[in-house]
């Protein structure tokens, strides 16, 4: 994708981290900033506990989490409530095609 977005990471008070927090919308006086959260793991099996930091950020209400995405080395694509989990190859293809944001 040819879109340029500010890139951050996030750490909860408890020490859990989100690998990539991509700003999709700047904060304005009448609206919250919008972000996409991406958690990447070098693992063949996705573990639901890895979603915790993304869910924690979304629950704060201080920012609008537009998407929560997990990326891993497995073969299956999963949808857990509002978290989309992709095999790395699928994620990179969709990112390149401009479908992630």
PDB file of N, CA and C in Angstrom:
ATOM      1  N   UNK A   1       0.836  -1.187   0.000  1.00  0.00           N
ATOM      2  CA  UNK A   1       0.000   0.000   0.000  1.00  0.00           C
ATOM      3  C   UNK A   1       0.878   1.246   0.000  1.00  0.00           C
ATOM      4  N   UNK A   2       0.438   2.281  -0.649  1.00  0.00           N
ATOM      5  CA  UNK A   2       1.217   3.514  -0.724  1.00  0.00           C
ATOM      6  C   UNK A   2       0.855   4.495   0.380  1.00  0.00           C
ATOM      7  N   UNK A   3       0.055   4.080   1.336  1.00  0.00           N
ATOM      8  CA  UNK A   3      -0.353   4.964   2.424  1.00  0.00           C
ATOM      9  C   UNK A   3       0.756   5.050   3.466  1.00  0.00           C
ATOM     10  N   UNK A   4       1.000   6.244   3.949  1.00  0.00           N
ATOM     11  CA  UNK A   4       2.009   6.451   4.984  1.00  0.00           C
ATOM     12  C   UNK A   4       1.288   6.777   6.283  1.00  0.00           C
ATOM     13  N   UNK A   5       1.540   6.001   7.306  1.00  0.00           N
ATOM     14  CA  UNK A   5       0.851   6.158   8.583  1.00  0.00           C
ATOM     15  C   UNK A   5       1.865   6.196   9.718  1.00  0.00           C
ATOM     16  N   UNK A   6       1.598   7.004  10.751  1.00  0.00           N
ATOM     17  CA  UNK A   6       2.454   6.966  11.942  1.00  0.00           C
ATOM     18  C   UNK A   6       2.386   5.579  12.596  1.00  0.00           C
ATOM     19  N   UNK A   7       3.518   5.113  13.073  1.00  0.00           N
ATOM     20  CA  UNK A   7       3.644   3.773  13.635  1.00  0.00           C
ATOM     21  C   UNK A   7       4.151   3.872  15.066  1.00  0.00           C
ATOM     22  N   UNK A   8       3.495   3.149  15.981  1.00  0.00           N
ATOM     23  CA  UNK A   8       3.847   3.162  17.398  1.00  0.00           C
ATOM     24  C   UNK A   8       3.797   1.744  17.941  1.00  0.00           C
ATOM     25  N   UNK A   9       4.161   1.590  19.210  1.00  0.00           N
ATOM     26  CA  UNK A   9       3.868   0.355  19.931  1.00  0.00           C
ATOM     27  C   UNK A   9       3.222   0.771  21.239  1.00  0.00           C
ATOM     28  N   UNK A  10       2.602  -0.196  21.924  1.00  0.00           N
ATOM     29  CA  UNK A  10       1.860   0.113  23.143  1.00  0.00           C
ATOM     30  C   UNK A  10       2.222  -0.901  24.211  1.00  0.00           C
ATOM     31  N   UNK A  11       2.334  -0.412  25.430  1.00  0.00           N
ATOM     32  CA  UNK A  11       2.606  -1.288  26.569  1.00  0.00           C
ATOM     33  C   UNK A  11       1.610  -0.970  27.668  1.00  0.00           C
ATOM     34  N   UNK A  12       0.937  -2.003  28.178  1.00  0.00           N
ATOM     35  CA  UNK A  12      -0.026  -1.812  29.260  1.00  0.00           C
ATOM     36  C   UNK A  12       0.712  -1.606  30.575  1.00  0.00           C
ATOM     37  N   UNK A  13      -0.007  -1.145  31.587  1.00  0.00           N
ATOM     38  CA  UNK A  13       0.585  -0.973  32.917  1.00  0.00           C
ATOM     39  C   UNK A  13       1.115  -2.299  33.452  1.00  0.00           C
ATOM     40  N   UNK A  14       0.490  -3.397  33.046  1.00  0.00           N
ATOM     41  CA  UNK A  14       0.917  -4.721  33.483  1.00  0.00           C
ATOM     42  C   UNK A  14       2.075  -5.298  32.690  1.00  0.00           C
ATOM     43  N   UNK A  15       2.546  -4.568  31.669  1.00  0.00           N
ATOM     44  CA  UNK A  15       3.706  -5.007  30.904  1.00  0.00           C
ATOM     45  C   UNK A  15       3.406  -5.713  29.595  1.00  0.00           C
ATOM     46  N   UNK A  16       2.135  -5.952  29.275  1.00  0.00           N
ATOM     47  CA  UNK A  16       1.794  -6.570  27.988  1.00  0.00           C
ATOM     48  C   UNK A  16       1.994  -5.538  26.877  1.00  0.00           C
ATOM     49  N   UNK A  17       2.425  -5.997  25.714  1.00  0.00           N
ATOM     50  CA  UNK A  17       2.743  -5.071  24.622  1.00  0.00           C
ATOM     51  C   UNK A  17       1.984  -5.412  23.348  1.00  0.00           C
ATOM     52  N   UNK A  18       1.769  -4.385  22.532  1.00  0.00           N
ATOM     53  CA  UNK A  18       1.259  -4.542  21.171  1.00  0.00           C
ATOM     54  C   UNK A  18       2.419  -4.171  20.258  1.00  0.00           C
ATOM     55  N   UNK A  19       2.740  -5.054  19.327  1.00  0.00           N
ATOM     56  CA  UNK A  19       3.910  -4.850  18.473  1.00  0.00           C
ATOM     57  C   UNK A  19       3.800  -3.623  17.579  1.00  0.00           C
ATOM     58  N   UNK A  20       2.651  -3.443  16.940  1.00  0.00           N
ATOM     59  CA  UNK A  20       2.463  -2.319  16.019  1.00  0.00           C
ATOM     60  C   UNK A  20       1.116  -1.659  16.267  1.00  0.00           C
ATOM     61  N   UNK A  21       1.129  -0.364  16.475  1.00  0.00           N
ATOM     62  CA  UNK A  21      -0.091   0.433  16.577  1.00  0.00           C
ATOM     63  C   UNK A  21       0.016   1.475  15.467  1.00  0.00           C
ATOM     64  N   UNK A  22      -0.850   1.363  14.482  1.00  0.00           N
ATOM     65  CA  UNK A  22      -0.785   2.212  13.294  1.00  0.00           C
ATOM     66  C   UNK A  22      -1.921   3.221  13.349  1.00  0.00           C
ATOM     67  N   UNK A  23      -1.553   4.489  13.327  1.00  0.00           N
ATOM     68  CA  UNK A  23      -2.565   5.546  13.397  1.00  0.00           C
ATOM     69  C   UNK A  23      -3.235   5.713  12.032  1.00  0.00           C
ATOM     70  N   UNK A  24      -4.563   5.589  12.022  1.00  0.00           N
ATOM     71  CA  UNK A  24      -5.325   5.741  10.786  1.00  0.00           C
ATOM     72  C   UNK A  24      -6.111   7.041  10.760  1.00  0.00           C
ATOM     73  N   UNK A  25      -6.295   7.629  11.946  1.00  0.00           N
ATOM     74  CA  UNK A  25      -7.048   8.881  12.043  1.00  0.00           C
ATOM     75  C   UNK A  25      -6.484   9.697  13.195  1.00  0.00           C
ATOM     76  N   UNK A  26      -6.151  10.939  12.923  1.00  0.00           N
ATOM     77  CA  UNK A  26      -5.638  11.839  13.965  1.00  0.00           C
ATOM     78  C   UNK A  26      -6.755  12.219  14.929  1.00  0.00           C
ATOM     79  N   UNK A  27      -6.394  12.457  16.164  1.00  0.00           N
ATOM     80  CA  UNK A  27      -7.344  12.927  17.164  1.00  0.00           C
ATOM     81  C   UNK A  27      -7.762  14.347  16.814  1.00  0.00           C
ATOM     82  N   UNK A  28      -9.050  14.618  16.920  1.00  0.00           N
ATOM     83  CA  UNK A  28      -9.589  15.960  16.709  1.00  0.00           C
ATOM     84  C   UNK A  28     -10.395  16.330  17.943  1.00  0.00           C
ATOM     85  N   UNK A  29     -10.777  17.571  18.051  1.00  0.00           N
ATOM     86  CA  UNK A  29     -11.498  18.017  19.250  1.00  0.00           C
ATOM     87  C   UNK A  29     -12.791  17.241  19.464  1.00  0.00           C
ATOM     88  N   UNK A  30     -13.432  16.807  18.395  1.00  0.00           N
ATOM     89  CA  UNK A  30     -14.714  16.114  18.527  1.00  0.00           C
ATOM     90  C   UNK A  30     -14.607  14.601  18.341  1.00  0.00           C
ATOM     91  N   UNK A  31     -13.407  14.087  18.098  1.00  0.00           N
ATOM     92  CA  UNK A  31     -13.291  12.650  17.859  1.00  0.00           C
ATOM     93  C   UNK A  31     -11.966  12.102  18.382  1.00  0.00           C
ATOM     94  N   UNK A  32     -11.989  10.809  18.652  1.00  0.00           N
ATOM     95  CA  UNK A  32     -10.799  10.108  19.133  1.00  0.00           C
ATOM     96  C   UNK A  32      -9.901   9.736  17.957  1.00  0.00           C
ATOM     97  N   UNK A  33      -8.639   9.528  18.249  1.00  0.00           N
ATOM     98  CA  UNK A  33      -7.721   8.999  17.241  1.00  0.00           C
ATOM     99  C   UNK A  33      -8.151   7.577  16.901  1.00  0.00           C
ATOM    100  N   UNK A  34      -7.890   7.165  15.665  1.00  0.00           N
ATOM    101  CA  UNK A  34      -8.187   5.806  15.242  1.00  0.00           C
ATOM    102  C   UNK A  34      -6.903   5.048  14.977  1.00  0.00           C
ATOM    103  N   UNK A  35      -6.884   3.769  15.363  1.00  0.00           N
ATOM    104  CA  UNK A  35      -5.684   2.952  15.173  1.00  0.00           C
ATOM    105  C   UNK A  35      -6.048   1.538  14.733  1.00  0.00           C
ATOM    106  N   UNK A  36      -5.062   0.883  14.146  1.00  0.00           N
ATOM    107  CA  UNK A  36      -5.103  -0.549  13.883  1.00  0.00           C
ATOM    108  C   UNK A  36      -3.988  -1.162  14.714  1.00  0.00           C
ATOM    109  N   UNK A  37      -4.300  -2.217  15.454  1.00  0.00           N
ATOM    110  CA  UNK A  37      -3.308  -2.907  16.287  1.00  0.00           C
ATOM    111  C   UNK A  37      -2.909  -4.213  15.608  1.00  0.00           C
ATOM    112  N   UNK A  38      -1.608  -4.481  15.593  1.00  0.00           N
ATOM    113  CA  UNK A  38      -1.101  -5.719  15.003  1.00  0.00           C
ATOM    114  C   UNK A  38      -0.162  -6.393  15.997  1.00  0.00           C
ATOM    115  N   UNK A  39      -0.466  -7.639  16.307  1.00  0.00           N
ATOM    116  CA  UNK A  39       0.382  -8.455  17.174  1.00  0.00           C
ATOM    117  C   UNK A  39       0.978  -9.558  16.312  1.00  0.00           C
ATOM    118  N   UNK A  40       2.306  -9.634  16.228  1.00  0.00           N
ATOM    119  CA  UNK A  40       2.993 -10.622  15.394  1.00  0.00           C
ATOM    120  C   UNK A  40       3.715 -11.629  16.282  1.00  0.00           C
ATOM    121  N   UNK A  41       3.561 -12.904  15.941  1.00  0.00           N
ATOM    122  CA  UNK A  41       4.198 -13.968  16.718  1.00  0.00           C
ATOM    123  C   UNK A  41       4.895 -14.959  15.792  1.00  0.00           C
ATOM    124  N   UNK A  42       6.096 -15.348  16.187  1.00  0.00           N
ATOM    125  CA  UNK A  42       6.841 -16.375  15.463  1.00  0.00           C
ATOM    126  C   UNK A  42       6.455 -17.719  16.069  1.00  0.00           C
ATOM    127  N   UNK A  43       5.283 -18.198  15.663  1.00  0.00           N
ATOM    128  CA  UNK A  43       4.740 -19.439  16.214  1.00  0.00           C
ATOM    129  C   UNK A  43       3.843 -20.089  15.170  1.00  0.00           C
ATOM    130  N   UNK A  44       3.741 -21.405  15.209  1.00  0.00           N
ATOM    131  CA  UNK A  44       2.891 -22.130  14.261  1.00  0.00           C
ATOM    132  C   UNK A  44       1.450 -22.241  14.735  1.00  0.00           C
ATOM    133  N   UNK A  45       1.213 -21.964  16.013  1.00  0.00           N
ATOM    134  CA  UNK A  45      -0.137 -22.054  16.575  1.00  0.00           C
ATOM    135  C   UNK A  45      -0.466 -20.743  17.275  1.00  0.00           C
ATOM    136  N   UNK A  46      -1.632 -20.176  16.961  1.00  0.00           N
ATOM    137  CA  UNK A  46      -2.061 -18.921  17.580  1.00  0.00           C
ATOM    138  C   UNK A  46      -2.590 -19.202  18.981  1.00  0.00           C
ATOM    139  N   UNK A  47      -2.188 -18.374  19.950  1.00  0.00           N
ATOM    140  CA  UNK A  47      -2.685 -18.488  21.322  1.00  0.00           C
ATOM    141  C   UNK A  47      -3.527 -17.261  21.642  1.00  0.00           C
ATOM    142  N   UNK A  48      -4.740 -17.504  22.123  1.00  0.00           N
ATOM    143  CA  UNK A  48      -5.684 -16.417  22.388  1.00  0.00           C
ATOM    144  C   UNK A  48      -5.150 -15.419  23.411  1.00  0.00           C
ATOM    145  N   UNK A  49      -4.268 -15.833  24.299  1.00  0.00           N
ATOM    146  CA  UNK A  49      -3.734 -14.915  25.311  1.00  0.00           C
ATOM    147  C   UNK A  49      -2.973 -13.755  24.675  1.00  0.00           C
ATOM    148  N   UNK A  50      -2.487 -13.919  23.446  1.00  0.00           N
ATOM    149  CA  UNK A  50      -1.743 -12.862  22.765  1.00  0.00           C
ATOM    150  C   UNK A  50      -2.629 -11.689  22.364  1.00  0.00           C
ATOM    151  N   UNK A  51      -3.933 -11.867  22.415  1.00  0.00           N
ATOM    152  CA  UNK A  51      -4.878 -10.806  22.055  1.00  0.00           C
ATOM    153  C   UNK A  51      -5.098  -9.817  23.197  1.00  0.00           C
ATOM    154  N   UNK A  52      -4.661 -10.150  24.390  1.00  0.00           N
ATOM    155  CA  UNK A  52      -4.978  -9.388  25.592  1.00  0.00           C
ATOM    156  C   UNK A  52      -4.612  -7.921  25.558  1.00  0.00           C
ATOM    157  N   UNK A  53      -3.417  -7.589  25.118  1.00  0.00           N
ATOM    158  CA  UNK A  53      -2.999  -6.178  25.110  1.00  0.00           C
ATOM    159  C   UNK A  53      -3.829  -5.367  24.125  1.00  0.00           C
ATOM    160  N   UNK A  54      -4.173  -5.961  22.973  1.00  0.00           N
ATOM    161  CA  UNK A  54      -5.005  -5.243  22.003  1.00  0.00           C
ATOM    162  C   UNK A  54      -6.390  -4.989  22.584  1.00  0.00           C
ATOM    163  N   UNK A  55      -6.947  -6.009  23.210  1.00  0.00           N
ATOM    164  CA  UNK A  55      -8.276  -5.859  23.821  1.00  0.00           C
ATOM    165  C   UNK A  55      -8.231  -4.838  24.958  1.00  0.00           C
ATOM    166  N   UNK A  56      -7.153  -4.841  25.715  1.00  0.00           N
ATOM    167  CA  UNK A  56      -6.994  -3.889  26.816  1.00  0.00           C
ATOM    168  C   UNK A  56      -6.999  -2.454  26.302  1.00  0.00           C
ATOM    169  N   UNK A  57      -6.270  -2.194  25.227  1.00  0.00           N
ATOM    170  CA  UNK A  57      -6.247  -0.853  24.647  1.00  0.00           C
ATOM    171  C   UNK A  57      -7.639  -0.454  24.158  1.00  0.00           C
ATOM    172  N   UNK A  58      -8.330  -1.369  23.496  1.00  0.00           N
ATOM    173  CA  UNK A  58      -9.673  -1.073  22.988  1.00  0.00           C
ATOM    174  C   UNK A  58     -10.639  -0.751  24.127  1.00  0.00           C
ATOM    175  N   UNK A  59     -10.485  -1.435  25.249  1.00  0.00           N
ATOM    176  CA  UNK A  59     -11.397  -1.247  26.381  1.00  0.00           C
ATOM    177  C   UNK A  59     -11.169   0.058  27.133  1.00  0.00           C
ATOM    178  N   UNK A  60     -10.037   0.713  26.937  1.00  0.00           N
ATOM    179  CA  UNK A  60      -9.792   1.975  27.648  1.00  0.00           C
ATOM    180  C   UNK A  60     -10.765   3.057  27.213  1.00  0.00           C
ATOM    181  N   UNK A  61     -11.217   2.991  25.964  1.00  0.00           N
ATOM    182  CA  UNK A  61     -12.121   4.007  25.448  1.00  0.00           C
ATOM    183  C   UNK A  61     -11.436   5.316  25.104  1.00  0.00           C
ATOM    184  N   UNK A  62     -10.137   5.396  25.306  1.00  0.00           N
ATOM    185  CA  UNK A  62      -9.396   6.636  25.036  1.00  0.00           C
ATOM    186  C   UNK A  62      -9.052   6.797  23.559  1.00  0.00           C
ATOM    187  N   UNK A  63      -9.131   5.714  22.835  1.00  0.00           N
ATOM    188  CA  UNK A  63      -8.744   5.693  21.430  1.00  0.00           C
ATOM    189  C   UNK A  63      -9.683   4.724  20.719  1.00  0.00           C
ATOM    190  N   UNK A  64      -9.949   4.945  19.451  1.00  0.00           N
ATOM    191  CA  UNK A  64     -10.816   4.037  18.696  1.00  0.00           C
ATOM    192  C   UNK A  64      -9.947   2.996  17.998  1.00  0.00           C
ATOM    193  N   UNK A  65     -10.039   1.771  18.469  1.00  0.00           N
ATOM    194  CA  UNK A  65      -9.310   0.673  17.840  1.00  0.00           C
ATOM    195  C   UNK A  65     -10.188   0.153  16.705  1.00  0.00           C
ATOM    196  N   UNK A  66      -9.801   0.462  15.480  1.00  0.00           N
ATOM    197  CA  UNK A  66     -10.603   0.114  14.309  1.00  0.00           C
ATOM    198  C   UNK A  66     -10.460  -1.344  13.905  1.00  0.00           C
ATOM    199  N   UNK A  67      -9.267  -1.903  14.096  1.00  0.00           N
ATOM    200  CA  UNK A  67      -9.011  -3.312  13.789  1.00  0.00           C
ATOM    201  C   UNK A  67      -7.990  -3.849  14.765  1.00  0.00           C
ATOM    202  N   UNK A  68      -8.142  -5.133  15.082  1.00  0.00           N
ATOM    203  CA  UNK A  68      -7.141  -5.857  15.856  1.00  0.00           C
ATOM    204  C   UNK A  68      -6.745  -7.061  15.012  1.00  0.00           C
ATOM    205  N   UNK A  69      -5.451  -7.169  14.728  1.00  0.00           N
ATOM    206  CA  UNK A  69      -4.955  -8.195  13.817  1.00  0.00           C
ATOM    207  C   UNK A  69      -3.830  -8.973  14.485  1.00  0.00           C
ATOM    208  N   UNK A  70      -3.900 -10.287  14.373  1.00  0.00           N
ATOM    209  CA  UNK A  70      -2.816 -11.160  14.787  1.00  0.00           C
ATOM    210  C   UNK A  70      -2.162 -11.744  13.549  1.00  0.00           C
ATOM    211  N   UNK A  71      -0.848 -11.868  13.571  1.00  0.00           N
ATOM    212  CA  UNK A  71      -0.100 -12.452  12.454  1.00  0.00           C
ATOM    213  C   UNK A  71       0.811 -13.524  13.037  1.00  0.00           C
ATOM    214  N   UNK A  72       0.806 -14.702  12.427  1.00  0.00           N
ATOM    215  CA  UNK A  72       1.624 -15.797  12.946  1.00  0.00           C
ATOM    216  C   UNK A  72       2.080 -16.698  11.805  1.00  0.00           C
ATOM    217  N   UNK A  73       2.893 -17.702  12.115  1.00  0.00           N
ATOM    218  CA  UNK A  73       3.503 -18.560  11.093  1.00  0.00           C
ATOM    219  C   UNK A  73       2.683 -19.803  10.766  1.00  0.00           C
ATOM    220  N   UNK A  74       1.481 -19.886  11.270  1.00  0.00           N
ATOM    221  CA  UNK A  74       0.622 -21.038  11.001  1.00  0.00           C
ATOM    222  C   UNK A  74      -0.028 -20.971   9.637  1.00  0.00           C
ATOM    223  N   UNK A  75      -0.983 -21.854   9.410  1.00  0.00           N
ATOM    224  CA  UNK A  75      -1.628 -21.977   8.098  1.00  0.00           C
ATOM    225  C   UNK A  75      -3.092 -21.538   8.092  1.00  0.00           C
ATOM    226  N   UNK A  76      -3.732 -21.454   9.248  1.00  0.00           N
ATOM    227  CA  UNK A  76      -5.165 -21.172   9.323  1.00  0.00           C
ATOM    228  C   UNK A  76      -5.441 -19.702   9.600  1.00  0.00           C
ATOM    229  N   UNK A  77      -6.533 -19.218   9.036  1.00  0.00           N
ATOM    230  CA  UNK A  77      -7.014 -17.867   9.331  1.00  0.00           C
ATOM    231  C   UNK A  77      -8.143 -18.017  10.355  1.00  0.00           C
ATOM    232  N   UNK A  78      -8.129 -17.144  11.384  1.00  0.00           N
ATOM    233  CA  UNK A  78      -9.132 -17.210  12.447  1.00  0.00           C
ATOM    234  C   UNK A  78      -9.791 -15.853  12.644  1.00  0.00           C
ATOM    235  N   UNK A  79     -11.017 -15.899  13.148  1.00  0.00           N
ATOM    236  CA  UNK A  79     -11.739 -14.689  13.565  1.00  0.00           C
ATOM    237  C   UNK A  79     -12.272 -14.956  14.960  1.00  0.00           C
ATOM    238  N   UNK A  80     -11.755 -14.238  15.942  1.00  0.00           N
ATOM    239  CA  UNK A  80     -12.188 -14.370  17.327  1.00  0.00           C
ATOM    240  C   UNK A  80     -12.825 -13.052  17.742  1.00  0.00           C
ATOM    241  N   UNK A  81     -14.148 -13.011  17.746  1.00  0.00           N
ATOM    242  CA  UNK A  81     -14.879 -11.779  18.042  1.00  0.00           C
ATOM    243  C   UNK A  81     -14.385 -10.695  17.083  1.00  0.00           C
ATOM    244  N   UNK A  82     -13.643  -9.737  17.586  1.00  0.00           N
ATOM    245  CA  UNK A  82     -13.189  -8.633  16.743  1.00  0.00           C
ATOM    246  C   UNK A  82     -11.692  -8.688  16.445  1.00  0.00           C
ATOM    247  N   UNK A  83     -11.075  -9.846  16.598  1.00  0.00           N
ATOM    248  CA  UNK A  83      -9.656 -10.027  16.267  1.00  0.00           C
ATOM    249  C   UNK A  83      -9.551 -10.929  15.037  1.00  0.00           C
ATOM    250  N   UNK A  84      -8.859 -10.429  14.015  1.00  0.00           N
ATOM    251  CA  UNK A  84      -8.604 -11.206  12.806  1.00  0.00           C
ATOM    252  C   UNK A  84      -7.186 -11.756  12.903  1.00  0.00           C
ATOM    253  N   UNK A  85      -7.017 -13.060  12.707  1.00  0.00           N
ATOM    254  CA  UNK A  85      -5.700 -13.690  12.795  1.00  0.00           C
ATOM    255  C   UNK A  85      -5.347 -14.261  11.421  1.00  0.00           C
ATOM    256  N   UNK A  86      -4.169 -13.878  10.923  1.00  0.00           N
ATOM    257  CA  UNK A  86      -3.737 -14.252   9.579  1.00  0.00           C
ATOM    258  C   UNK A  86      -2.426 -15.028   9.614  1.00  0.00           C
ATOM    259  N   UNK A  87      -2.274 -16.022   8.738  1.00  0.00           N
ATOM    260  CA  UNK A  87      -0.935 -16.533   8.460  1.00  0.00           C
ATOM    261  C   UNK A  87      -0.122 -15.398   7.838  1.00  0.00           C
ATOM    262  N   UNK A  88       1.155 -15.361   8.087  1.00  0.00           N
ATOM    263  CA  UNK A  88       1.982 -14.234   7.647  1.00  0.00           C
ATOM    264  C   UNK A  88       1.878 -13.991   6.138  1.00  0.00           C
ATOM    265  N   UNK A  89       1.837 -15.062   5.344  1.00  0.00           N
ATOM    266  CA  UNK A  89       1.759 -14.886   3.888  1.00  0.00           C
ATOM    267  C   UNK A  89       0.464 -14.179   3.489  1.00  0.00           C
ATOM    268  N   UNK A  90      -0.659 -14.575   4.091  1.00  0.00           N
ATOM    269  CA  UNK A  90      -1.950 -13.942   3.793  1.00  0.00           C
ATOM    270  C   UNK A  90      -1.942 -12.479   4.212  1.00  0.00           C
ATOM    271  N   UNK A  91      -1.379 -12.218   5.391  1.00  0.00           N
ATOM    272  CA  UNK A  91      -1.340 -10.837   5.875  1.00  0.00           C
ATOM    273  C   UNK A  91      -0.533  -9.947   4.933  1.00  0.00           C
ATOM    274  N   UNK A  92       0.640 -10.403   4.529  1.00  0.00           N
ATOM    275  CA  UNK A  92       1.485  -9.592   3.647  1.00  0.00           C
ATOM    276  C   UNK A  92       0.812  -9.348   2.299  1.00  0.00           C
ATOM    277  N   UNK A  93       0.107 -10.352   1.787  1.00  0.00           N
ATOM    278  CA  UNK A  93      -0.614 -10.190   0.525  1.00  0.00           C
ATOM    279  C   UNK A  93      -1.698  -9.117   0.669  1.00  0.00           C
ATOM    280  N   UNK A  94      -2.476  -9.186   1.743  1.00  0.00           N
ATOM    281  CA  UNK A  94      -3.544  -8.206   1.958  1.00  0.00           C
ATOM    282  C   UNK A  94      -2.982  -6.817   2.245  1.00  0.00           C
ATOM    283  N   UNK A  95      -1.870  -6.747   2.952  1.00  0.00           N
ATOM    284  CA  UNK A  95      -1.223  -5.462   3.205  1.00  0.00           C
ATOM    285  C   UNK A  95      -0.775  -4.832   1.884  1.00  0.00           C
ATOM    286  N   UNK A  96      -0.123  -5.615   1.049  1.00  0.00           N
ATOM    287  CA  UNK A  96       0.348  -5.127  -0.245  1.00  0.00           C
ATOM    288  C   UNK A  96      -0.817  -4.677  -1.127  1.00  0.00           C
ATOM    289  N   UNK A  97      -1.942  -5.402  -1.058  1.00  0.00           N
ATOM    290  CA  UNK A  97      -3.124  -5.076  -1.864  1.00  0.00           C
ATOM    291  C   UNK A  97      -3.933  -3.912  -1.297  1.00  0.00           C
ATOM    292  N   UNK A  98      -3.501  -3.355  -0.160  1.00  0.00           N
ATOM    293  CA  UNK A  98      -4.203  -2.218   0.432  1.00  0.00           C
ATOM    294  C   UNK A  98      -5.460  -2.587   1.186  1.00  0.00           C
ATOM    295  N   UNK A  99      -5.608  -3.840   1.597  1.00  0.00           N
ATOM    296  CA  UNK A  99      -6.819  -4.292   2.278  1.00  0.00           C
ATOM    297  C   UNK A  99      -6.736  -4.196   3.795  1.00  0.00           C
ATOM    298  N   UNK A 100      -5.558  -3.938   4.339  1.00  0.00           N
ATOM    299  CA  UNK A 100      -5.413  -3.855   5.796  1.00  0.00           C
ATOM    300  C   UNK A 100      -5.887  -2.494   6.291  1.00  0.00           C
ATOM    301  N   UNK A 101      -5.487  -1.421   5.592  1.00  0.00           N
ATOM    302  CA  UNK A 101      -5.969  -0.071   5.904  1.00  0.00           C
ATOM    303  C   UNK A 101      -5.895   0.790   4.667  1.00  0.00           C
TER     304      UNK A 101
END
